[in-house]
C-alpha cells in the first residue's frame, strides 16, 4: 500500500514498535500501512460513524491483519482504554473537535507518550491547548497535497514555555526550521485573515469590536514575519 503525502508524513512521525490508535480512521489506511511495514506492533482503528467503521473493518479483513488491528466503533478516545496505546493520531478534523476529543478522556491522555495531530482548521488553538496542558511540540510538518496545505503536529509530555503569540498560528518549529513551504503557509494565513477582516468591515459594530482589533494585530504580525523570510 502506498500512502498519499499527508498520511505518509503522519506515518513518519509514529515511533517504531508502539501500539497506536488512529481516531477517525476512515478506511484504516494508516494502521494498515504501519502494520504492513512493521512500524507498529498493534493498532486500534476507531471511527464514530457506521460507514467508515465498516470500510475500515473490511479493509483490515482484506489485508488479513485482524490479529494486529482492532477496528472499533465509538466516539473519539472512547475506543481506547487507559494504557492501551502509547501513540494517538487524530487527523483530518477541525482543531476544536480535536481539542474536545483530547479533553474528553484525560485518563487516556495521561498514559500517552505521543500525540500526532493534523487539524484541518484551528491549528493555533491546538498548539495553545498542548502548551497549556503539559505537552511539548517536538515536530511539525507542512505538506502540500492536491493544492492544499496541511499542518501536522507531533507532541510529547513535557513542559514548554509560552510562545510568541503569532507562532501559535504559524507553528514554532515550522518557523524555527524555515520550512520550505513556510512562505506559502504564512501567505495563506494572511489571505484568510484579510478575508475575515473584509467581511467584518461591513459592520460598524464589528469594526469597533475587540475581535477586529485582535485580527488586525494578528495580520500585522503575520506580515512582519513574512518580511523576515
Protein backbone atom coordinates (compact mmCIF):
# COMPACT_ATOMS: atom_id res chain seq x y z
CA UNK A 1 0.00 0.00 0.00
CA UNK A 2 1.25 3.48 -0.90
CA UNK A 3 0.03 6.39 1.18
CA UNK A 4 -0.57 9.93 -0.01
CA UNK A 5 1.90 12.59 1.10
CA UNK A 6 -0.24 13.76 4.04
CA UNK A 7 -0.73 10.29 5.53
CA UNK A 8 2.89 9.37 4.80
CA UNK A 9 4.09 12.41 6.76
CA UNK A 10 1.88 11.33 9.67
CA UNK A 11 3.17 7.75 9.42
CA UNK A 12 6.74 9.05 9.53
CA UNK A 13 6.04 10.63 12.94
CA UNK A 14 4.85 7.36 14.53
CA UNK A 15 7.55 5.76 16.72
CA UNK A 16 8.66 2.24 15.85
CA UNK A 17 7.33 -0.64 17.93
CA UNK A 18 4.48 1.10 19.73
CA UNK A 19 0.77 0.42 19.89
CA UNK A 20 -1.01 3.28 18.16
CA UNK A 21 -4.61 4.41 17.91
CA UNK A 22 -5.95 6.16 14.82
CA UNK A 23 -9.01 8.19 15.78
CA UNK A 24 -11.33 8.92 12.87
CA UNK A 25 -9.60 6.21 10.89
CA UNK A 26 -11.97 6.18 7.89
CA UNK A 27 -10.56 3.39 5.66
CA UNK A 28 -7.87 2.38 8.19
CA UNK A 29 -5.20 3.15 5.59
CA UNK A 30 -2.77 4.45 8.22
CA UNK A 31 -2.95 1.45 10.62
CA UNK A 32 -2.78 -1.00 7.70
CA UNK A 33 0.33 0.74 6.35
CA UNK A 34 2.03 0.88 9.76
CA UNK A 35 1.39 -2.80 10.49
CA UNK A 36 2.27 -3.93 6.96
CA UNK A 37 5.60 -2.09 7.15
CA UNK A 38 6.36 -3.39 10.67
CA UNK A 39 6.39 0.13 12.12
CA UNK A 40 3.99 -0.62 14.98
CA UNK A 41 3.24 -3.78 16.92
CA UNK A 42 -0.50 -3.29 17.22
CA UNK A 43 -3.04 -0.69 16.13
CA UNK A 44 -6.52 0.46 17.09
CA UNK A 45 -8.63 1.92 14.29
CA UNK A 46 -11.54 3.92 15.66
CA UNK A 47 -14.40 5.76 13.98
CA UNK A 48 -17.73 7.03 15.29
CA UNK A 49 -19.62 6.60 12.01
CA UNK A 50 -21.00 3.27 10.83
CA UNK A 51 -19.93 3.72 7.19
CA UNK A 52 -16.22 4.42 7.83
CA UNK A 53 -16.18 1.80 10.60
CA UNK A 54 -17.39 -0.88 8.16
CA UNK A 55 -14.97 0.32 5.46
CA UNK A 56 -12.11 0.05 7.95
CA UNK A 57 -13.23 -3.38 9.13
CA UNK A 58 -13.48 -4.67 5.55
CA UNK A 59 -10.08 -3.20 4.64
CA UNK A 60 -8.40 -4.83 7.64
CA UNK A 61 -10.04 -8.16 6.83
CA UNK A 62 -8.97 -7.91 3.17
CA UNK A 63 -5.40 -7.23 4.31
CA UNK A 64 -5.61 -10.24 6.70
CA UNK A 65 -4.47 -8.08 9.61
CA UNK A 66 -7.29 -8.70 12.11
CA UNK A 67 -4.76 -10.14 14.56
CA UNK A 68 -2.88 -6.84 14.65
CA UNK A 69 -5.51 -4.15 14.06
CA UNK A 70 -8.55 -3.82 16.29
CA UNK A 71 -11.32 -1.90 14.49
CA UNK A 72 -13.72 -0.23 16.92
CA UNK A 73 -16.75 1.97 16.60
CA UNK A 74 -17.02 4.77 19.11
CA UNK A 75 -16.72 8.47 19.82
CA UNK A 76 -13.16 9.76 19.86
CA UNK A 77 -10.93 8.25 22.53
CA UNK A 78 -13.80 6.21 23.99
CA UNK A 79 -12.44 3.35 21.86
CA UNK A 80 -9.13 3.37 23.77
CA UNK A 81 -8.58 2.15 27.32
CA UNK A 82 -6.02 3.90 29.55
CA UNK A 83 -2.57 2.45 28.93
CA UNK A 84 -3.68 0.56 25.83
CA UNK A 85 -1.83 2.78 23.33
CA UNK A 86 1.31 4.87 23.52
CA UNK A 87 0.66 6.99 20.42
CA UNK A 88 -2.59 8.53 19.24
CA UNK A 89 -3.20 10.02 15.80
CA UNK A 90 -6.12 12.39 15.23
CA UNK A 91 -6.09 13.68 11.66
CA UNK A 92 -8.47 15.37 9.26
CA UNK A 93 -10.69 17.10 11.83
CA UNK A 94 -11.15 20.70 12.93
CA UNK A 95 -8.91 21.94 15.71
CA UNK A 96 -11.73 22.50 18.19
CA UNK A 97 -13.05 18.99 17.53
CA UNK A 98 -9.57 17.58 18.20
CA UNK A 99 -9.38 19.53 21.47
CA UNK A 100 -12.81 18.23 22.53
CA UNK A 101 -11.62 14.66 21.90
CA UNK A 102 -8.45 15.23 23.94
CA UNK A 103 -10.38 16.85 26.81
CA UNK A 104 -12.98 14.10 26.94
CA UNK A 105 -10.62 11.34 28.11
CA UNK A 106 -7.95 12.75 30.46
CA UNK A 107 -7.36 9.26 31.88
CA UNK A 108 -6.28 8.07 28.42
CA UNK A 109 -4.26 11.19 27.61
CA UNK A 110 -2.32 10.79 30.87
CA UNK A 111 -0.94 7.43 29.69
CA UNK A 112 0.13 8.52 26.19
CA UNK A 113 3.70 9.15 25.09
CA UNK A 114 2.96 10.90 21.80
CA UNK A 115 0.15 12.79 20.07
CA UNK A 116 0.17 13.29 16.31
CA UNK A 117 -2.45 15.83 15.27
CA UNK A 118 -3.44 17.14 11.86
CA UNK A 119 -6.11 19.82 12.22
CA UNK A 120 -7.86 20.96 9.05
CA UNK A 121 -8.50 24.35 10.66
CA UNK A 122 -7.76 25.85 14.06
CA UNK A 123 -4.15 24.68 14.39
CA UNK A 124 -3.39 27.67 16.63
CA UNK A 125 -5.97 26.51 19.19
CA UNK A 126 -4.47 23.01 19.13
CA UNK A 127 -0.97 24.37 19.78
CA UNK A 128 -2.27 26.52 22.63
CA UNK A 129 -4.06 23.53 24.18
CA UNK A 130 -0.89 21.44 24.00
CA UNK A 131 1.24 24.19 25.54
CA UNK A 132 -1.17 24.77 28.43
CA UNK A 133 -1.82 21.09 29.16
CA UNK A 134 1.65 19.70 29.68
CA UNK A 135 2.58 18.80 26.10
CA UNK A 136 5.67 19.90 24.22
CA UNK A 137 5.68 20.19 20.43
CA UNK A 138 8.58 18.06 19.19
CA UNK A 139 7.98 18.11 15.43
CA UNK A 140 5.92 19.98 12.86
CA UNK A 141 5.45 19.36 9.17
CA UNK A 142 3.79 21.13 6.27
CA UNK A 143 2.54 19.02 3.39
CA UNK A 144 1.04 20.26 0.14
CA UNK A 145 -1.29 17.72 -1.41
CA UNK A 146 -3.69 18.37 -4.29
CA UNK A 147 -3.10 22.11 -3.92
CA UNK A 148 -3.93 22.23 -0.21
CA UNK A 149 -1.55 22.83 2.70
CA UNK A 150 -1.77 20.59 5.77
CA UNK A 151 -0.15 21.21 9.15
CA UNK A 152 0.93 18.17 11.17
CA UNK A 153 1.95 18.50 14.82
CA UNK A 154 3.66 15.88 16.99
CA UNK A 155 3.86 16.41 20.74
CA UNK A 156 5.13 14.54 23.78
CA UNK A 157 4.54 15.08 27.52
CA UNK A 158 6.70 17.90 28.83
CA UNK A 159 6.58 21.49 29.95
CA UNK A 160 7.10 24.24 27.40
CA UNK A 161 7.36 27.99 27.59
CA UNK A 162 4.57 30.17 26.20
CA UNK A 163 5.16 31.09 22.58
CA UNK A 164 5.27 34.42 20.86
CA UNK A 165 1.53 34.76 20.13
CA UNK A 166 1.80 34.71 16.33
CA UNK A 167 3.76 31.43 16.45
CA UNK A 168 0.65 29.62 17.64
CA UNK A 169 -0.69 30.46 14.17
CA UNK A 170 2.47 29.78 12.18
CA UNK A 171 3.94 26.88 14.15
CA UNK A 172 7.08 27.41 16.27
CA UNK A 173 9.11 24.62 14.69
CA UNK A 174 7.95 25.46 11.18
CA UNK A 175 9.24 28.97 11.81
CA UNK A 176 12.44 27.84 13.51
CA UNK A 177 13.33 25.44 10.70
CA UNK A 178 12.30 27.87 7.94
CA UNK A 179 10.30 25.09 6.35
CA UNK A 180 10.38 25.18 2.52
CA UNK A 181 6.62 25.80 2.45
CA UNK A 182 6.70 28.41 5.23
CA UNK A 183 6.25 31.44 2.98
CA UNK A 184 3.25 29.87 1.26
CA UNK A 185 1.85 28.92 4.67
CA UNK A 186 2.15 32.46 6.02
CA UNK A 187 0.67 33.93 2.84
CA UNK A 188 -2.34 31.61 3.15
CA UNK A 189 -2.84 32.77 6.75
CA UNK A 190 -2.63 36.40 5.60
CA UNK A 191 -5.17 35.88 2.80
CA UNK A 192 -7.55 34.17 5.22
CA UNK A 193 -7.30 36.96 7.81
CA UNK A 194 -7.76 39.66 5.18
CA UNK A 195 -10.94 37.89 4.10
CA UNK A 196 -12.22 37.77 7.67
CA UNK A 197 -11.46 41.47 8.20
CA UNK A 198 -13.11 42.39 4.89
CA UNK A 199 -16.28 40.60 5.97
CA UNK A 200 -16.23 42.30 9.38
CA UNK A 201 -15.69 45.70 7.73
CA UNK A 202 -19.30 45.58 6.55
CA UNK A 203 -20.49 46.09 10.13
CA UNK A 204 -19.66 49.20 12.16
CA UNK A 205 -20.19 47.21 15.34
CA UNK A 206 -17.75 44.53 14.20
CA UNK A 207 -15.12 47.11 13.20
CA UNK A 208 -15.15 48.54 16.72
CA UNK A 209 -15.01 45.14 18.41
CA UNK A 210 -12.08 43.65 20.31
CA UNK A 211 -12.07 40.77 17.82
CA UNK A 212 -11.48 43.14 14.91
CA UNK A 213 -8.53 44.72 16.73
CA UNK A 214 -7.18 41.25 17.56
CA UNK A 215 -7.38 40.14 13.92
CA UNK A 216 -5.81 43.42 12.73
CA UNK A 217 -2.87 42.96 15.12
CA UNK A 218 -2.51 39.33 14.05
CA UNK A 219 -2.44 40.36 10.38
CA UNK A 220 0.32 42.88 11.08
CA UNK A 221 2.34 40.23 12.96
CA UNK A 222 2.00 37.81 10.04
CA UNK A 223 3.06 40.47 7.55
CA UNK A 224 6.06 41.30 9.76
CA UNK A 225 7.08 37.63 9.85
CA UNK A 226 6.74 37.41 6.08
CA UNK A 227 9.23 40.25 5.64
CA UNK A 228 11.77 38.26 7.68
CA UNK A 229 11.84 35.43 5.12
